[in-house]
Amino acid sequence: MSLWRPMTLADIPTVSAIAREVHPGYPERDVVFADRIALAPEGSWLATRGGVPLGYLLSHPWREGAPPPLDTVLGALPDDPDTFYLHDLALLPGAQGTGLAREIVTATIARAAPAFPSLSLVAVNASVPFWARFGFGVAHRPALEAKLRSYDADARYMVRPS
């Protein structure tokens, strides 16, 4: 049985706490989490076991080659999205290595691949090898260099064809 369930606005304090612990170098305001949940509830997931939070995934339709800047309220999805963007996947340390990430990424690919030509993300925290296992490859886009540096020097834009 999956530990993943749809995320709700009531989960924002939990998501925010997980984000502060897992991604302290990439702070985002609660309004950003609320924006993603409101715009794409089908891409907003929370993992819990016995009521204890373990991690989350926020993802949404977007434009390939134009990842949103960190800590940005979108307000609306594009009229013509051509990628399913994985905004943030975070698992608390005790949940890492349990297969939860593989489960939600595999499920997200299965849901998004029929509807979008690609899936995309910005890999941080040396996670390029993790994402490569799911068919994501680093997409070298000079126009994105400054935006990627706003995350950190090792951030990489990655794309997975559907």
N, C-alpha and C. Protein backbone atom coordinates (compact mmCIF):
# COMPACT_ATOMS: atom_id res chain seq x y z
N MET A 1 0.83 -1.19 0.00
CA MET A 1 0.00 0.00 0.00
C MET A 1 0.88 1.25 0.00
N SER A 2 0.56 2.21 -0.85
CA SER A 2 1.35 3.42 -0.96
C SER A 2 1.19 4.30 0.27
N LEU A 3 2.26 4.96 0.62
CA LEU A 3 2.23 5.93 1.71
C LEU A 3 1.98 7.35 1.19
N TRP A 4 1.89 7.47 -0.14
CA TRP A 4 1.66 8.77 -0.76
C TRP A 4 0.16 9.05 -0.86
N ARG A 5 -0.21 10.29 -0.56
CA ARG A 5 -1.59 10.73 -0.70
C ARG A 5 -1.59 12.13 -1.29
N PRO A 6 -2.73 12.54 -1.88
CA PRO A 6 -2.80 13.91 -2.40
C PRO A 6 -2.57 14.93 -1.28
N MET A 7 -1.80 15.95 -1.59
CA MET A 7 -1.52 17.02 -0.65
C MET A 7 -2.68 18.01 -0.63
N THR A 8 -2.92 18.60 0.52
CA THR A 8 -3.95 19.64 0.65
C THR A 8 -3.32 20.91 1.21
N LEU A 9 -4.07 21.99 1.16
CA LEU A 9 -3.59 23.25 1.72
C LEU A 9 -3.31 23.12 3.22
N ALA A 10 -4.03 22.24 3.91
CA ALA A 10 -3.79 22.03 5.34
C ALA A 10 -2.42 21.42 5.62
N ASP A 11 -1.79 20.84 4.59
CA ASP A 11 -0.47 20.22 4.74
C ASP A 11 0.68 21.21 4.63
N ILE A 12 0.40 22.44 4.30
CA ILE A 12 1.48 23.40 4.05
C ILE A 12 2.45 23.54 5.23
N PRO A 13 2.00 23.65 6.49
CA PRO A 13 2.99 23.73 7.57
C PRO A 13 3.92 22.51 7.62
N THR A 14 3.38 21.34 7.33
CA THR A 14 4.19 20.12 7.30
C THR A 14 5.19 20.18 6.15
N VAL A 15 4.72 20.56 4.98
CA VAL A 15 5.60 20.66 3.80
C VAL A 15 6.69 21.69 4.06
N SER A 16 6.33 22.80 4.64
CA SER A 16 7.29 23.85 4.93
C SER A 16 8.37 23.35 5.90
N ALA A 17 7.97 22.61 6.91
CA ALA A 17 8.93 22.07 7.87
C ALA A 17 9.87 21.07 7.21
N ILE A 18 9.33 20.21 6.35
CA ILE A 18 10.18 19.26 5.62
C ILE A 18 11.15 20.01 4.73
N ALA A 19 10.66 21.00 4.01
CA ALA A 19 11.53 21.79 3.11
C ALA A 19 12.66 22.45 3.88
N ARG A 20 12.37 23.02 5.03
CA ARG A 20 13.42 23.68 5.83
C ARG A 20 14.50 22.68 6.25
N GLU A 21 14.09 21.46 6.55
CA GLU A 21 15.06 20.45 6.98
C GLU A 21 15.84 19.87 5.80
N VAL A 22 15.15 19.54 4.72
CA VAL A 22 15.78 18.85 3.60
C VAL A 22 16.49 19.81 2.65
N HIS A 23 15.91 20.98 2.42
CA HIS A 23 16.46 21.95 1.47
C HIS A 23 16.73 23.30 2.13
N PRO A 24 17.56 23.36 3.16
CA PRO A 24 17.76 24.65 3.85
C PRO A 24 18.36 25.73 2.94
N GLY A 25 19.08 25.33 1.92
CA GLY A 25 19.70 26.30 1.02
C GLY A 25 18.79 26.79 -0.09
N TYR A 26 17.55 26.27 -0.13
CA TYR A 26 16.61 26.63 -1.19
C TYR A 26 15.27 27.03 -0.57
N PRO A 27 15.27 28.11 0.22
CA PRO A 27 14.04 28.46 0.94
C PRO A 27 12.92 28.92 0.01
N GLU A 28 11.71 28.48 0.34
CA GLU A 28 10.51 28.92 -0.37
C GLU A 28 9.44 29.24 0.66
N ARG A 29 8.68 30.28 0.37
CA ARG A 29 7.61 30.71 1.27
C ARG A 29 6.40 29.78 1.15
N ASP A 30 5.59 29.77 2.19
CA ASP A 30 4.39 28.94 2.19
C ASP A 30 3.45 29.29 1.04
N VAL A 31 3.44 30.55 0.63
CA VAL A 31 2.57 30.96 -0.47
C VAL A 31 2.96 30.26 -1.77
N VAL A 32 4.22 29.91 -1.92
CA VAL A 32 4.67 29.17 -3.11
C VAL A 32 4.09 27.75 -3.08
N PHE A 33 4.13 27.12 -1.91
CA PHE A 33 3.55 25.78 -1.79
C PHE A 33 2.05 25.82 -2.06
N ALA A 34 1.38 26.81 -1.50
CA ALA A 34 -0.07 26.95 -1.71
C ALA A 34 -0.39 27.16 -3.19
N ASP A 35 0.43 27.94 -3.86
CA ASP A 35 0.25 28.20 -5.29
C ASP A 35 0.34 26.91 -6.09
N ARG A 36 1.35 26.09 -5.81
CA ARG A 36 1.52 24.84 -6.56
C ARG A 36 0.36 23.88 -6.31
N ILE A 37 -0.07 23.77 -5.06
CA ILE A 37 -1.19 22.88 -4.75
C ILE A 37 -2.45 23.34 -5.45
N ALA A 38 -2.71 24.65 -5.43
CA ALA A 38 -3.92 25.19 -6.06
C ALA A 38 -3.90 25.01 -7.58
N LEU A 39 -2.74 25.22 -8.18
CA LEU A 39 -2.64 25.14 -9.64
C LEU A 39 -2.60 23.70 -10.16
N ALA A 40 -2.02 22.81 -9.40
CA ALA A 40 -1.85 21.43 -9.89
C ALA A 40 -2.02 20.43 -8.75
N PRO A 41 -3.23 20.28 -8.27
CA PRO A 41 -3.43 19.31 -7.19
C PRO A 41 -3.03 17.89 -7.60
N GLU A 42 -3.11 17.59 -8.91
CA GLU A 42 -2.74 16.26 -9.39
C GLU A 42 -1.24 16.00 -9.30
N GLY A 43 -0.46 17.04 -9.06
CA GLY A 43 0.99 16.90 -8.94
C GLY A 43 1.51 17.16 -7.55
N SER A 44 0.61 17.24 -6.57
CA SER A 44 0.99 17.59 -5.20
C SER A 44 0.73 16.40 -4.28
N TRP A 45 1.80 15.83 -3.73
CA TRP A 45 1.70 14.59 -2.96
C TRP A 45 2.46 14.69 -1.65
N LEU A 46 1.93 14.03 -0.63
CA LEU A 46 2.57 13.96 0.69
C LEU A 46 2.66 12.51 1.10
N ALA A 47 3.83 12.10 1.59
CA ALA A 47 4.00 10.73 2.10
C ALA A 47 3.95 10.78 3.63
N THR A 48 3.14 9.91 4.20
CA THR A 48 3.06 9.79 5.65
C THR A 48 2.98 8.31 6.03
N ARG A 49 3.41 8.02 7.23
CA ARG A 49 3.26 6.67 7.78
C ARG A 49 2.74 6.85 9.21
N GLY A 50 1.53 6.33 9.43
CA GLY A 50 0.95 6.46 10.76
C GLY A 50 0.76 7.91 11.18
N GLY A 51 0.49 8.77 10.21
CA GLY A 51 0.30 10.19 10.51
C GLY A 51 1.59 10.98 10.61
N VAL A 52 2.74 10.32 10.51
CA VAL A 52 4.04 11.00 10.59
C VAL A 52 4.49 11.36 9.18
N PRO A 53 4.77 12.63 8.91
CA PRO A 53 5.19 13.03 7.57
C PRO A 53 6.57 12.49 7.23
N LEU A 54 6.72 12.10 5.96
CA LEU A 54 7.98 11.54 5.48
C LEU A 54 8.59 12.34 4.34
N GLY A 55 7.73 12.96 3.51
CA GLY A 55 8.24 13.71 2.38
C GLY A 55 7.12 14.20 1.49
N TYR A 56 7.50 14.90 0.43
CA TYR A 56 6.50 15.45 -0.49
C TYR A 56 7.06 15.57 -1.89
N LEU A 57 6.13 15.70 -2.84
CA LEU A 57 6.45 16.02 -4.23
C LEU A 57 5.49 17.11 -4.68
N LEU A 58 6.03 18.16 -5.28
CA LEU A 58 5.25 19.20 -5.93
C LEU A 58 5.65 19.22 -7.40
N SER A 59 4.67 19.12 -8.29
CA SER A 59 4.94 19.10 -9.72
C SER A 59 3.74 19.69 -10.46
N HIS A 60 3.98 20.13 -11.69
CA HIS A 60 2.91 20.81 -12.43
C HIS A 60 3.26 20.94 -13.91
N PRO A 61 2.25 21.14 -14.75
CA PRO A 61 2.52 21.43 -16.17
C PRO A 61 3.28 22.75 -16.31
N TRP A 62 4.17 22.81 -17.31
CA TRP A 62 4.94 24.03 -17.52
C TRP A 62 5.49 24.07 -18.94
N ARG A 63 6.39 25.00 -19.20
CA ARG A 63 7.02 25.15 -20.52
C ARG A 63 8.45 24.60 -20.44
N GLU A 64 8.78 23.69 -21.34
CA GLU A 64 10.11 23.08 -21.35
C GLU A 64 11.15 24.15 -21.67
N GLY A 65 12.25 24.10 -20.94
CA GLY A 65 13.33 25.06 -21.15
C GLY A 65 13.17 26.35 -20.37
N ALA A 66 12.12 26.46 -19.56
CA ALA A 66 11.86 27.69 -18.81
C ALA A 66 11.45 27.38 -17.37
N PRO A 67 12.32 26.70 -16.60
CA PRO A 67 11.92 26.38 -15.23
C PRO A 67 11.63 27.64 -14.43
N PRO A 68 10.61 27.60 -13.58
CA PRO A 68 10.30 28.78 -12.77
C PRO A 68 11.43 29.08 -11.79
N PRO A 69 11.69 30.34 -11.53
CA PRO A 69 12.70 30.68 -10.52
C PRO A 69 12.29 30.16 -9.15
N LEU A 70 13.26 29.89 -8.33
CA LEU A 70 13.04 29.45 -6.96
C LEU A 70 12.21 30.50 -6.21
N ASP A 71 11.33 30.05 -5.35
CA ASP A 71 10.52 30.90 -4.47
C ASP A 71 9.67 31.91 -5.25
N THR A 72 9.05 31.42 -6.33
CA THR A 72 8.22 32.28 -7.17
C THR A 72 6.78 31.77 -7.22
N VAL A 73 5.85 32.66 -6.96
CA VAL A 73 4.43 32.34 -7.12
C VAL A 73 4.13 32.42 -8.62
N LEU A 74 3.54 31.36 -9.16
CA LEU A 74 3.23 31.32 -10.59
C LEU A 74 1.94 32.06 -10.91
N GLY A 75 0.93 31.86 -10.10
CA GLY A 75 -0.35 32.51 -10.32
C GLY A 75 -1.23 31.82 -11.34
N ALA A 76 -0.61 31.21 -12.34
CA ALA A 76 -1.36 30.51 -13.39
C ALA A 76 -0.41 29.57 -14.11
N LEU A 77 -0.97 28.55 -14.70
CA LEU A 77 -0.19 27.65 -15.55
C LEU A 77 -0.22 28.18 -16.97
N PRO A 78 0.78 27.86 -17.78
CA PRO A 78 0.76 28.33 -19.17
C PRO A 78 -0.39 27.70 -19.94
N ASP A 79 -0.89 28.42 -20.93
CA ASP A 79 -1.97 27.91 -21.77
C ASP A 79 -1.52 26.72 -22.61
N ASP A 80 -0.24 26.67 -22.92
CA ASP A 80 0.27 25.63 -23.81
C ASP A 80 1.46 24.89 -23.19
N PRO A 81 1.28 24.25 -22.04
CA PRO A 81 2.42 23.56 -21.41
C PRO A 81 2.89 22.40 -22.28
N ASP A 82 4.21 22.20 -22.30
CA ASP A 82 4.75 21.09 -23.08
C ASP A 82 5.69 20.21 -22.26
N THR A 83 5.68 20.39 -20.94
CA THR A 83 6.46 19.55 -20.05
C THR A 83 5.73 19.44 -18.72
N PHE A 84 5.97 18.35 -18.02
CA PHE A 84 5.47 18.23 -16.66
C PHE A 84 6.67 18.45 -15.77
N TYR A 85 6.66 19.55 -15.02
CA TYR A 85 7.81 20.02 -14.26
C TYR A 85 7.76 19.51 -12.82
N LEU A 86 8.80 18.83 -12.41
CA LEU A 86 8.91 18.37 -11.02
C LEU A 86 9.60 19.47 -10.24
N HIS A 87 8.80 20.23 -9.53
CA HIS A 87 9.28 21.40 -8.81
C HIS A 87 10.15 21.03 -7.61
N ASP A 88 9.71 20.04 -6.84
CA ASP A 88 10.45 19.72 -5.62
C ASP A 88 10.06 18.34 -5.12
N LEU A 89 11.05 17.53 -4.87
CA LEU A 89 10.89 16.24 -4.22
C LEU A 89 11.77 16.28 -2.98
N ALA A 90 11.18 16.06 -1.83
CA ALA A 90 11.94 16.10 -0.58
C ALA A 90 11.50 14.96 0.33
N LEU A 91 12.46 14.20 0.81
CA LEU A 91 12.20 13.15 1.79
C LEU A 91 13.05 13.41 3.02
N LEU A 92 12.45 13.28 4.19
CA LEU A 92 13.20 13.42 5.42
C LEU A 92 14.27 12.32 5.48
N PRO A 93 15.37 12.55 6.18
CA PRO A 93 16.46 11.58 6.20
C PRO A 93 16.02 10.15 6.54
N GLY A 94 15.11 9.97 7.47
CA GLY A 94 14.67 8.63 7.83
C GLY A 94 13.89 7.92 6.75
N ALA A 95 13.39 8.66 5.75
CA ALA A 95 12.61 8.08 4.66
C ALA A 95 13.45 7.84 3.41
N GLN A 96 14.67 8.35 3.40
CA GLN A 96 15.53 8.17 2.24
C GLN A 96 16.01 6.73 2.18
N GLY A 97 16.07 6.20 0.97
CA GLY A 97 16.50 4.83 0.78
C GLY A 97 15.41 3.80 1.01
N THR A 98 14.18 4.24 1.16
CA THR A 98 13.06 3.32 1.44
C THR A 98 12.27 2.94 0.19
N GLY A 99 12.57 3.59 -0.93
CA GLY A 99 11.81 3.35 -2.15
C GLY A 99 10.68 4.34 -2.36
N LEU A 100 10.45 5.22 -1.39
CA LEU A 100 9.36 6.21 -1.54
C LEU A 100 9.60 7.14 -2.72
N ALA A 101 10.82 7.60 -2.89
CA ALA A 101 11.11 8.49 -4.02
C ALA A 101 10.88 7.76 -5.33
N ARG A 102 11.38 6.54 -5.44
CA ARG A 102 11.19 5.76 -6.67
C ARG A 102 9.70 5.58 -6.96
N GLU A 103 8.93 5.30 -5.92
CA GLU A 103 7.49 5.08 -6.10
C GLU A 103 6.79 6.32 -6.67
N ILE A 104 7.04 7.48 -6.09
CA ILE A 104 6.31 8.68 -6.54
C ILE A 104 6.85 9.17 -7.88
N VAL A 105 8.14 9.04 -8.14
CA VAL A 105 8.68 9.46 -9.44
C VAL A 105 8.14 8.54 -10.54
N THR A 106 8.13 7.25 -10.30
CA THR A 106 7.60 6.30 -11.29
C THR A 106 6.12 6.58 -11.56
N ALA A 107 5.35 6.82 -10.52
CA ALA A 107 3.92 7.11 -10.69
C ALA A 107 3.72 8.42 -11.44
N THR A 108 4.55 9.42 -11.15
CA THR A 108 4.42 10.72 -11.82
C THR A 108 4.76 10.58 -13.31
N ILE A 109 5.79 9.84 -13.62
CA ILE A 109 6.14 9.62 -15.03
C ILE A 109 4.99 8.91 -15.74
N ALA A 110 4.44 7.89 -15.10
CA ALA A 110 3.34 7.13 -15.73
C ALA A 110 2.12 8.02 -15.98
N ARG A 111 1.84 8.95 -15.06
CA ARG A 111 0.68 9.84 -15.24
C ARG A 111 0.96 10.93 -16.28
N ALA A 112 2.16 11.48 -16.27
CA ALA A 112 2.46 12.64 -17.11
C ALA A 112 2.88 12.28 -18.53
N ALA A 113 3.58 11.17 -18.70
CA ALA A 113 4.14 10.84 -20.02
C ALA A 113 3.10 10.79 -21.14
N PRO A 114 1.90 10.25 -20.92
CA PRO A 114 0.94 10.24 -22.03
C PRO A 114 0.45 11.64 -22.43
N ALA A 115 0.51 12.59 -21.51
CA ALA A 115 -0.08 13.91 -21.75
C ALA A 115 0.93 14.97 -22.16
N PHE A 116 2.22 14.74 -21.91
CA PHE A 116 3.25 15.76 -22.17
C PHE A 116 4.41 15.15 -22.94
N PRO A 117 5.03 15.93 -23.84
CA PRO A 117 6.17 15.41 -24.58
C PRO A 117 7.40 15.15 -23.71
N SER A 118 7.45 15.81 -22.53
CA SER A 118 8.61 15.62 -21.66
C SER A 118 8.24 15.89 -20.21
N LEU A 119 9.15 15.48 -19.34
CA LEU A 119 9.14 15.87 -17.94
C LEU A 119 10.46 16.59 -17.72
N SER A 120 10.47 17.56 -16.80
CA SER A 120 11.70 18.31 -16.57
C SER A 120 11.82 18.70 -15.11
N LEU A 121 13.02 19.13 -14.73
CA LEU A 121 13.29 19.50 -13.34
C LEU A 121 14.63 20.20 -13.25
N VAL A 122 14.89 20.80 -12.10
CA VAL A 122 16.22 21.31 -11.77
C VAL A 122 16.76 20.41 -10.67
N ALA A 123 17.86 19.71 -10.96
CA ALA A 123 18.48 18.81 -10.00
C ALA A 123 19.42 19.61 -9.10
N VAL A 124 19.25 19.44 -7.79
CA VAL A 124 20.12 20.07 -6.80
C VAL A 124 20.62 19.00 -5.84
N ASN A 125 21.49 19.39 -4.93
CA ASN A 125 22.02 18.47 -3.91
C ASN A 125 22.66 17.23 -4.53
N ALA A 126 23.38 17.40 -5.62
CA ALA A 126 24.09 16.29 -6.28
C ALA A 126 23.16 15.14 -6.66
N SER A 127 21.94 15.47 -7.09
CA SER A 127 20.94 14.44 -7.38
C SER A 127 20.88 14.02 -8.85
N VAL A 128 21.79 14.49 -9.69
CA VAL A 128 21.78 14.12 -11.11
C VAL A 128 21.78 12.60 -11.29
N PRO A 129 22.63 11.83 -10.58
CA PRO A 129 22.59 10.37 -10.77
C PRO A 129 21.24 9.75 -10.41
N PHE A 130 20.58 10.26 -9.36
CA PHE A 130 19.27 9.74 -8.99
C PHE A 130 18.29 9.93 -10.15
N TRP A 131 18.21 11.15 -10.70
CA TRP A 131 17.26 11.44 -11.76
C TRP A 131 17.61 10.70 -13.05
N ALA A 132 18.89 10.49 -13.30
CA ALA A 132 19.31 9.77 -14.51
C ALA A 132 18.76 8.34 -14.52
N ARG A 133 18.58 7.74 -13.36
CA ARG A 133 18.02 6.37 -13.29
C ARG A 133 16.60 6.32 -13.84
N PHE A 134 15.92 7.47 -13.91
CA PHE A 134 14.55 7.53 -14.42
C PHE A 134 14.50 8.05 -15.85
N GLY A 135 15.64 8.17 -16.49
CA GLY A 135 15.67 8.60 -17.88
C GLY A 135 15.84 10.09 -18.08
N PHE A 136 16.08 10.85 -17.01
CA PHE A 136 16.34 12.28 -17.16
C PHE A 136 17.79 12.48 -17.56
N GLY A 137 18.01 13.41 -18.47
CA GLY A 137 19.36 13.75 -18.88
C GLY A 137 19.60 15.24 -18.71
N VAL A 138 20.84 15.60 -18.43
CA VAL A 138 21.19 17.02 -18.30
C VAL A 138 21.01 17.69 -19.66
N ALA A 139 20.25 18.77 -19.66
CA ALA A 139 20.01 19.55 -20.88
C ALA A 139 20.80 20.85 -20.76
N HIS A 140 21.84 20.96 -21.54
CA HIS A 140 22.70 22.14 -21.48
C HIS A 140 22.01 23.28 -22.23
N ARG A 141 21.59 24.26 -21.49
CA ARG A 141 20.89 25.42 -22.06
C ARG A 141 21.60 26.69 -21.56
N PRO A 142 22.44 27.30 -22.37
CA PRO A 142 23.15 28.51 -21.94
C PRO A 142 22.22 29.60 -21.40
N ALA A 143 21.03 29.71 -21.96
CA ALA A 143 20.11 30.75 -21.50
C ALA A 143 19.66 30.54 -20.05
N LEU A 144 19.83 29.33 -19.52
CA LEU A 144 19.40 29.03 -18.15
C LEU A 144 20.51 29.17 -17.12
N GLU A 145 21.72 29.46 -17.54
CA GLU A 145 22.85 29.46 -16.62
C GLU A 145 22.64 30.36 -15.41
N ALA A 146 22.20 31.58 -15.60
CA ALA A 146 22.02 32.50 -14.49
C ALA A 146 20.92 32.01 -13.55
N LYS A 147 19.84 31.51 -14.11
CA LYS A 147 18.74 31.00 -13.29
C LYS A 147 19.20 29.81 -12.46
N LEU A 148 19.96 28.92 -13.06
CA LEU A 148 20.45 27.74 -12.33
C LEU A 148 21.41 28.14 -11.21
N ARG A 149 22.22 29.15 -11.45
CA ARG A 149 23.14 29.62 -10.40
C ARG A 149 22.37 30.19 -9.22
N SER A 150 21.11 30.62 -9.41
CA SER A 150 20.33 31.12 -8.28
C SER A 150 20.02 30.00 -7.30
N TYR A 151 20.09 28.74 -7.76
CA TYR A 151 19.95 27.58 -6.87
C TYR A 151 21.31 27.33 -6.21
N ASP A 152 22.29 26.94 -7.01
CA ASP A 152 23.67 26.78 -6.57
C ASP A 152 24.52 26.45 -7.80
N ALA A 153 25.83 26.38 -7.60
CA ALA A 153 26.74 26.17 -8.72
C ALA A 153 26.58 24.80 -9.37
N ASP A 154 26.05 23.84 -8.64
CA ASP A 154 25.91 22.48 -9.16
C ASP A 154 24.52 22.16 -9.70
N ALA A 155 23.60 23.11 -9.69
CA ALA A 155 22.24 22.85 -10.19
C ALA A 155 22.28 22.55 -11.68
N ARG A 156 21.47 21.56 -12.09
CA ARG A 156 21.42 21.15 -13.49
C ARG A 156 19.97 21.04 -13.94
N TYR A 157 19.69 21.55 -15.13
CA TYR A 157 18.38 21.39 -15.72
C TYR A 157 18.37 20.04 -16.42
N MET A 158 17.34 19.24 -16.13
CA MET A 158 17.25 17.89 -16.69
C MET A 158 15.89 17.68 -17.37
N VAL A 159 15.91 16.92 -18.45
CA VAL A 159 14.70 16.65 -19.22
C VAL A 159 14.62 15.14 -19.47
N ARG A 160 13.39 14.64 -19.43
CA ARG A 160 13.13 13.24 -19.76
C ARG A 160 12.07 13.23 -20.86
N PRO A 161 12.40 12.77 -22.06
CA PRO A 161 11.37 12.65 -23.10
C PRO A 161 10.33 11.63 -22.67
N SER A 162 9.09 11.87 -23.05
CA SER A 162 8.02 10.92 -22.70
C SER A 162 8.06 9.71 -23.61
